PDB file of N, CA and C in Angstrom:
ATOM      1  N   MET A   1     197.120 102.511 113.480  1.00  0.00           N
ATOM      2  CA  MET A   1     196.139 101.443 113.427  1.00  0.00           C
ATOM      3  C   MET A   1     194.864 101.918 114.120  1.00  0.00           C
ATOM      4  N   ASN A   2     193.717 101.610 113.564  1.00  0.00           N
ATOM      5  CA  ASN A   2     192.447 102.039 114.117  1.00  0.00           C
ATOM      6  C   ASN A   2     191.710 100.836 114.683  1.00  0.00           C
ATOM      7  N   LYS A   3     191.506 100.836 115.987  1.00  0.00           N
ATOM      8  CA  LYS A   3     190.830  99.707 116.635  1.00  0.00           C
ATOM      9  C   LYS A   3     189.407 100.058 117.049  1.00  0.00           C
ATOM     10  N   ASN A   4     188.989 101.306 116.835  1.00  0.00           N
ATOM     11  CA  ASN A   4     187.679 101.744 117.296  1.00  0.00           C
ATOM     12  C   ASN A   4     186.608 101.746 116.219  1.00  0.00           C
ATOM     13  N   ALA A   5     186.985 101.877 114.986  1.00  0.00           N
ATOM     14  CA  ALA A   5     186.003 101.987 113.907  1.00  0.00           C
ATOM     15  C   ALA A   5     186.263 100.927 112.844  1.00  0.00           C
ATOM     16  N   GLN A   6     185.190 100.327 112.352  1.00  0.00           N
ATOM     17  CA  GLN A   6     185.333  99.338 111.284  1.00  0.00           C
ATOM     18  C   GLN A   6     185.589 100.015 109.946  1.00  0.00           C
ATOM     19  N   LYS A   7     185.026 101.212 109.765  1.00  0.00           N
ATOM     20  CA  LYS A   7     185.211 101.963 108.522  1.00  0.00           C
ATOM     21  C   LYS A   7     185.874 103.286 108.879  1.00  0.00           C
ATOM     22  N   PHE A   8     186.979 103.568 108.224  1.00  0.00           N
ATOM     23  CA  PHE A   8     187.686 104.799 108.540  1.00  0.00           C
ATOM     24  C   PHE A   8     188.540 105.255 107.372  1.00  0.00           C
ATOM     25  N   PHE A   9     188.884 106.543 107.416  1.00  0.00           N
ATOM     26  CA  PHE A   9     189.824 107.146 106.477  1.00  0.00           C
ATOM     27  C   PHE A   9     191.073 107.490 107.281  1.00  0.00           C
ATOM     28  N   THR A  10     192.209 107.528 106.632  1.00  0.00           N
ATOM     29  CA  THR A  10     193.440 107.894 107.316  1.00  0.00           C
ATOM     30  C   THR A  10     194.417 108.525 106.335  1.00  0.00           C
ATOM     31  N   ILE A  11     195.288 109.373 106.853  1.00  0.00           N
ATOM     32  CA  ILE A  11     196.333 109.927 105.993  1.00  0.00           C
ATOM     33  C   ILE A  11     197.532 108.990 105.942  1.00  0.00           C
ATOM     34  N   ASN A  12     197.516 107.986 106.795  1.00  0.00           N
ATOM     35  CA  ASN A  12     198.603 107.006 106.834  1.00  0.00           C
ATOM     36  C   ASN A  12     198.338 105.873 105.845  1.00  0.00           C
ATOM     37  N   ASN A  13     199.352 105.135 105.536  1.00  0.00           N
ATOM     38  CA  ASN A  13     199.180 103.952 104.690  1.00  0.00           C
ATOM     39  C   ASN A  13     198.603 102.827 105.543  1.00  0.00           C
ATOM     40  N   ASP A  14     197.356 102.509 105.293  1.00  0.00           N
ATOM     41  CA  ASP A  14     196.682 101.439 106.031  1.00  0.00           C
ATOM     42  C   ASP A  14     195.731 100.754 105.058  1.00  0.00           C
ATOM     43  N   ARG A  15     195.983  99.522 104.733  1.00  0.00           N
ATOM     44  CA  ARG A  15     195.178  98.806 103.732  1.00  0.00           C
ATOM     45  C   ARG A  15     193.733  98.607 104.171  1.00  0.00           C
ATOM     46  N   ARG A  16     193.453  98.732 105.464  1.00  0.00           N
ATOM     47  CA  ARG A  16     192.084  98.563 105.966  1.00  0.00           C
ATOM     48  C   ARG A  16     191.240  99.826 105.817  1.00  0.00           C
ATOM     49  N   ALA A  17     191.881 100.957 105.558  1.00  0.00           N
ATOM     50  CA  ALA A  17     191.163 102.230 105.421  1.00  0.00           C
ATOM     51  C   ALA A  17     190.340 102.244 104.134  1.00  0.00           C
ATOM     52  N   LEU A  18     189.202 102.910 104.177  1.00  0.00           N
ATOM     53  CA  LEU A  18     188.359 103.042 102.986  1.00  0.00           C
ATOM     54  C   LEU A  18     189.032 103.919 101.944  1.00  0.00           C
ATOM     55  N   ALA A  19     189.754 104.925 102.394  1.00  0.00           N
ATOM     56  CA  ALA A  19     190.460 105.834 101.484  1.00  0.00           C
ATOM     57  C   ALA A  19     191.511 106.603 102.264  1.00  0.00           C
ATOM     58  N   LYS A  20     192.414 107.218 101.531  1.00  0.00           N
ATOM     59  CA  LYS A  20     193.476 107.988 102.167  1.00  0.00           C
ATOM     60  C   LYS A  20     193.115 109.472 102.275  1.00  0.00           C
ATOM     61  N   ASP A  21     192.403 110.012 101.311  1.00  0.00           N
ATOM     62  CA  ASP A  21     192.023 111.423 101.329  1.00  0.00           C
ATOM     63  C   ASP A  21     190.566 111.551 101.768  1.00  0.00           C
ATOM     64  N   ALA A  22     190.346 111.703 103.046  1.00  0.00           N
ATOM     65  CA  ALA A  22     188.990 111.748 103.588  1.00  0.00           C
ATOM     66  C   ALA A  22     188.191 112.931 103.057  1.00  0.00           C
ATOM     67  N   VAL A  23     188.837 114.047 102.840  1.00  0.00           N
ATOM     68  CA  VAL A  23     188.125 115.247 102.401  1.00  0.00           C
ATOM     69  C   VAL A  23     187.537 115.071 101.002  1.00  0.00           C
ATOM     70  N   ALA A  24     188.105 114.204 100.206  1.00  0.00           N
ATOM     71  CA  ALA A  24     187.607 113.965  98.847  1.00  0.00           C
ATOM     72  C   ALA A  24     186.454 112.956  98.812  1.00  0.00           C
ATOM     73  N   GLN A  25     186.108 112.367  99.943  1.00  0.00           N
ATOM     74  CA  GLN A  25     185.086 111.322  99.989  1.00  0.00           C
ATOM     75  C   GLN A  25     183.710 111.899 100.302  1.00  0.00           C
ATOM     76  N   ASN A  26     182.666 111.108 100.043  1.00  0.00           N
ATOM     77  CA  ASN A  26     181.291 111.450 100.392  1.00  0.00           C
ATOM     78  C   ASN A  26     181.091 111.163 101.878  1.00  0.00           C
ATOM     79  N   TRP A  27     180.686 112.177 102.620  1.00  0.00           N
ATOM     80  CA  TRP A  27     180.480 112.002 104.058  1.00  0.00           C
ATOM     81  C   TRP A  27     179.000 111.867 104.421  1.00  0.00           C
ATOM     82  N   ASN A  28     178.118 111.798 103.478  1.00  0.00           N
ATOM     83  CA  ASN A  28     176.692 111.678 103.771  1.00  0.00           C
ATOM     84  C   ASN A  28     176.333 110.232 104.083  1.00  0.00           C
ATOM     85  N   VAL A  29     176.881 109.733 105.168  1.00  0.00           N
ATOM     86  CA  VAL A  29     176.680 108.329 105.545  1.00  0.00           C
ATOM     87  C   VAL A  29     176.150 108.208 106.969  1.00  0.00           C
ATOM     88  N   GLY A  30     175.588 109.274 107.505  1.00  0.00           N
ATOM     89  CA  GLY A  30     175.138 109.253 108.887  1.00  0.00           C
ATOM     90  C   GLY A  30     176.151 109.950 109.772  1.00  0.00           C
ATOM     91  N   ARG A  31     176.091 109.672 111.039  1.00  0.00           N
ATOM     92  CA  ARG A  31     177.021 110.308 111.977  1.00  0.00           C
ATOM     93  C   ARG A  31     178.442 109.829 111.756  1.00  0.00           C
ATOM     94  N   MET A  32     179.368 110.773 111.930  1.00  0.00           N
ATOM     95  CA  MET A  32     180.781 110.425 111.778  1.00  0.00           C
ATOM     96  C   MET A  32     181.572 111.003 112.940  1.00  0.00           C
ATOM     97  N   LEU A  33     182.565 110.262 113.366  1.00  0.00           N
ATOM     98  CA  LEU A  33     183.550 110.745 114.331  1.00  0.00           C
ATOM     99  C   LEU A  33     184.747 111.214 113.525  1.00  0.00           C
ATOM    100  N   ILE A  34     185.142 112.459 113.713  1.00  0.00           N
ATOM    101  CA  ILE A  34     186.227 113.035 112.924  1.00  0.00           C
ATOM    102  C   ILE A  34     187.310 113.539 113.862  1.00  0.00           C
ATOM    103  N   HIS A  35     188.529 113.110 113.628  1.00  0.00           N
ATOM    104  CA  HIS A  35     189.687 113.550 114.411  1.00  0.00           C
ATOM    105  C   HIS A  35     190.819 113.889 113.446  1.00  0.00           C
ATOM    106  N   PRO A  36     190.685 115.022 112.771  1.00  0.00           N
ATOM    107  CA  PRO A  36     191.678 115.363 111.745  1.00  0.00           C
ATOM    108  C   PRO A  36     192.960 115.926 112.350  1.00  0.00           C
ATOM    109  N   PRO A  37     194.055 115.799 111.622  1.00  0.00           N
ATOM    110  CA  PRO A  37     195.270 116.496 112.042  1.00  0.00           C
ATOM    111  C   PRO A  37     195.013 118.006 112.002  1.00  0.00           C
ATOM    112  N   ILE A  38     195.687 118.748 112.838  1.00  0.00           N
ATOM    113  CA  ILE A  38     195.492 120.197 112.888  1.00  0.00           C
ATOM    114  C   ILE A  38     195.707 120.824 111.515  1.00  0.00           C
ATOM    115  N   SER A  39     196.643 120.301 110.761  1.00  0.00           N
ATOM    116  CA  SER A  39     196.937 120.866 109.441  1.00  0.00           C
ATOM    117  C   SER A  39     195.760 120.748 108.467  1.00  0.00           C
ATOM    118  N   LEU A  40     194.832 119.826 108.718  1.00  0.00           N
ATOM    119  CA  LEU A  40     193.665 119.644 107.843  1.00  0.00           C
ATOM    120  C   LEU A  40     192.366 120.163 108.454  1.00  0.00           C
ATOM    121  N   MET A  41     192.438 120.720 109.652  1.00  0.00           N
ATOM    122  CA  MET A  41     191.226 121.109 110.375  1.00  0.00           C
ATOM    123  C   MET A  41     190.369 122.094 109.575  1.00  0.00           C
ATOM    124  N   THR A  42     190.964 123.110 108.988  1.00  0.00           N
ATOM    125  CA  THR A  42     190.175 124.092 108.236  1.00  0.00           C
ATOM    126  C   THR A  42     189.477 123.439 107.050  1.00  0.00           C
ATOM    127  N   ARG A  43     190.175 122.595 106.300  1.00  0.00           N
ATOM    128  CA  ARG A  43     189.551 121.894 105.160  1.00  0.00           C
ATOM    129  C   ARG A  43     188.387 121.027 105.621  1.00  0.00           C
ATOM    130  N   VAL A  44     188.571 120.341 106.733  1.00  0.00           N
ATOM    131  CA  VAL A  44     187.523 119.460 107.263  1.00  0.00           C
ATOM    132  C   VAL A  44     186.310 120.281 107.686  1.00  0.00           C
ATOM    133  N   LEU A  45     186.527 121.373 108.393  1.00  0.00           N
ATOM    134  CA  LEU A  45     185.409 122.201 108.836  1.00  0.00           C
ATOM    135  C   LEU A  45     184.675 122.831 107.656  1.00  0.00           C
ATOM    136  N   MET A  46     185.395 123.229 106.636  1.00  0.00           N
ATOM    137  CA  MET A  46     184.753 123.780 105.437  1.00  0.00           C
ATOM    138  C   MET A  46     183.901 122.713 104.741  1.00  0.00           C
ATOM    139  N   LYS A  47     184.376 121.484 104.712  1.00  0.00           N
ATOM    140  CA  LYS A  47     183.611 120.385 104.109  1.00  0.00           C
ATOM    141  C   LYS A  47     182.328 120.138 104.904  1.00  0.00           C
ATOM    142  N   ILE A  48     182.426 120.169 106.221  1.00  0.00           N
ATOM    143  CA  ILE A  48     181.247 119.980 107.069  1.00  0.00           C
ATOM    144  C   ILE A  48     180.228 121.086 106.799  1.00  0.00           C
ATOM    145  N   MET A  49     180.689 122.313 106.703  1.00  0.00           N
ATOM    146  CA  MET A  49     179.777 123.431 106.437  1.00  0.00           C
ATOM    147  C   MET A  49     179.102 123.274 105.080  1.00  0.00           C
ATOM    148  N   LYS A  50     179.837 122.787 104.102  1.00  0.00           N
ATOM    149  CA  LYS A  50     179.305 122.626 102.746  1.00  0.00           C
ATOM    150  C   LYS A  50     178.304 121.477 102.663  1.00  0.00           C
ATOM    151  N   GLU A  51     178.629 120.338 103.268  1.00  0.00           N
ATOM    152  CA  GLU A  51     177.807 119.135 103.122  1.00  0.00           C
ATOM    153  C   GLU A  51     176.723 118.991 104.175  1.00  0.00           C
ATOM    154  N   GLY A  52     176.874 119.636 105.317  1.00  0.00           N
ATOM    155  CA  GLY A  52     175.915 119.455 106.395  1.00  0.00           C
ATOM    156  C   GLY A  52     176.075 118.077 107.012  1.00  0.00           C
ATOM    157  N   GLY A  53     175.131 117.669 107.825  1.00  0.00           N
ATOM    158  CA  GLY A  53     175.184 116.362 108.461  1.00  0.00           C
ATOM    159  C   GLY A  53     175.490 116.465 109.940  1.00  0.00           C
ATOM    160  N   LYS A  54     175.675 115.302 110.553  1.00  0.00           N
ATOM    161  CA  LYS A  54     175.957 115.233 111.990  1.00  0.00           C
ATOM    162  C   LYS A  54     177.337 114.636 112.201  1.00  0.00           C
ATOM    163  N   TYR A  55     178.150 115.352 112.972  1.00  0.00           N
ATOM    164  CA  TYR A  55     179.527 114.936 113.179  1.00  0.00           C
ATOM    165  C   TYR A  55     179.931 115.173 114.624  1.00  0.00           C
ATOM    166  N   VAL A  56     180.818 114.357 115.096  1.00  0.00           N
ATOM    167  CA  VAL A  56     181.527 114.605 116.347  1.00  0.00           C
ATOM    168  C   VAL A  56     182.953 114.902 115.922  1.00  0.00           C
ATOM    169  N   VAL A  57     183.411 116.110 116.228  1.00  0.00           N
ATOM    170  CA  VAL A  57     184.747 116.529 115.812  1.00  0.00           C
ATOM    171  C   VAL A  57     185.635 116.629 117.044  1.00  0.00           C
ATOM    172  N   LEU A  58     186.711 115.885 117.039  1.00  0.00           N
ATOM    173  CA  LEU A  58     187.707 115.987 118.101  1.00  0.00           C
ATOM    174  C   LEU A  58     188.741 117.007 117.655  1.00  0.00           C
ATOM    175  N   ALA A  59     188.861 118.079 118.424  1.00  0.00           N
ATOM    176  CA  ALA A  59     189.773 119.158 118.051  1.00  0.00           C
ATOM    177  C   ALA A  59     190.451 119.699 119.301  1.00  0.00           C
ATOM    178  N   PRO A  60     191.692 120.136 119.168  1.00  0.00           N
ATOM    179  CA  PRO A  60     192.371 120.722 120.324  1.00  0.00           C
ATOM    180  C   PRO A  60     191.725 122.056 120.697  1.00  0.00           C
ATOM    181  N   MET A  61     191.717 122.356 121.980  1.00  0.00           N
ATOM    182  CA  MET A  61     191.125 123.608 122.450  1.00  0.00           C
ATOM    183  C   MET A  61     192.175 124.711 122.349  1.00  0.00           C
ATOM    184  N   GLN A  62     192.327 125.214 121.153  1.00  0.00           N
ATOM    185  CA  GLN A  62     193.276 126.304 120.890  1.00  0.00           C
ATOM    186  C   GLN A  62     192.462 127.533 120.525  1.00  0.00           C
ATOM    187  N   GLN A  63     192.048 128.250 121.537  1.00  0.00           N
ATOM    188  CA  GLN A  63     191.087 129.329 121.359  1.00  0.00           C
ATOM    189  C   GLN A  63     191.595 130.494 120.527  1.00  0.00           C
ATOM    190  N   THR A  64     192.880 130.589 120.286  1.00  0.00           N
ATOM    191  CA  THR A  64     193.418 131.683 119.477  1.00  0.00           C
ATOM    192  C   THR A  64     193.515 131.321 118.002  1.00  0.00           C
ATOM    193  N   GLN A  65     193.218 130.094 117.651  1.00  0.00           N
ATOM    194  CA  GLN A  65     193.322 129.638 116.266  1.00  0.00           C
ATOM    195  C   GLN A  65     192.002 129.856 115.525  1.00  0.00           C
ATOM    196  N   ILE A  66     192.097 130.216 114.255  1.00  0.00           N
ATOM    197  CA  ILE A  66     190.905 130.457 113.434  1.00  0.00           C
ATOM    198  C   ILE A  66     190.028 129.204 113.352  1.00  0.00           C
ATOM    199  N   GLN A  67     190.647 128.026 113.366  1.00  0.00           N
ATOM    200  CA  GLN A  67     189.876 126.785 113.300  1.00  0.00           C
ATOM    201  C   GLN A  67     188.957 126.655 114.518  1.00  0.00           C
ATOM    202  N   TRP A  68     189.436 127.065 115.672  1.00  0.00           N
ATOM    203  CA  TRP A  68     188.628 126.983 116.893  1.00  0.00           C
ATOM    204  C   TRP A  68     187.420 127.905 116.773  1.00  0.00           C
ATOM    205  N   LEU A  69     187.650 129.123 116.318  1.00  0.00           N
ATOM    206  CA  LEU A  69     186.553 130.080 116.163  1.00  0.00           C
ATOM    207  C   LEU A  69     185.524 129.581 115.154  1.00  0.00           C
ATOM    208  N   LEU A  70     185.989 128.986 114.079  1.00  0.00           N
ATOM    209  CA  LEU A  70     185.092 128.425 113.069  1.00  0.00           C
ATOM    210  C   LEU A  70     184.276 127.275 113.654  1.00  0.00           C
ATOM    211  N   LEU A  71     184.928 126.396 114.386  1.00  0.00           N
ATOM    212  CA  LEU A  71     184.240 125.257 115.001  1.00  0.00           C
ATOM    213  C   LEU A  71     183.182 125.728 115.992  1.00  0.00           C
ATOM    214  N   ILE A  72     183.523 126.674 116.835  1.00  0.00           N
ATOM    215  CA  ILE A  72     182.567 127.193 117.814  1.00  0.00           C
ATOM    216  C   ILE A  72     181.382 127.855 117.114  1.00  0.00           C
ATOM    217  N   SER A  73     181.633 128.592 116.050  1.00  0.00           N
ATOM    218  CA  SER A  73     180.532 129.249 115.331  1.00  0.00           C
ATOM    219  C   SER A  73     179.581 128.225 114.718  1.00  0.00           C
ATOM    220  N   MET A  74     180.086 127.049 114.406  1.00  0.00           N
ATOM    221  CA  MET A  74     179.254 126.000 113.807  1.00  0.00           C
ATOM    222  C   MET A  74     178.359 125.324 114.834  1.00  0.00           C
ATOM    223  N   THR A  75     178.678 125.435 116.111  1.00  0.00           N
ATOM    224  CA  THR A  75     177.900 124.756 117.146  1.00  0.00           C
ATOM    225  C   THR A  75     176.790 125.630 117.706  1.00  0.00           C
ATOM    226  N   GLU A  76     176.789 126.890 117.357  1.00  0.00           N
ATOM    227  CA  GLU A  76     175.782 127.807 117.905  1.00  0.00           C
ATOM    228  C   GLU A  76     174.536 127.847 117.070  1.00  0.00           C
TER     229      GLU A  76
END
């Protein structure tokens, strides 16, 4: 259940969500808070690189993972 955002995507079954597959949606809606599951992190980061925009990404600090290196390279 999401109590922080009025509009959100989720991989869970939630009738209040705008959609279930966030990566397939248009993200050009202004700033977004993104907290993807680790299994989707690479897809999410690739989408951000492709579409541009402003995002806050919550990600685990796993410095040995390729997703971490990709995320850090995007902030420089």
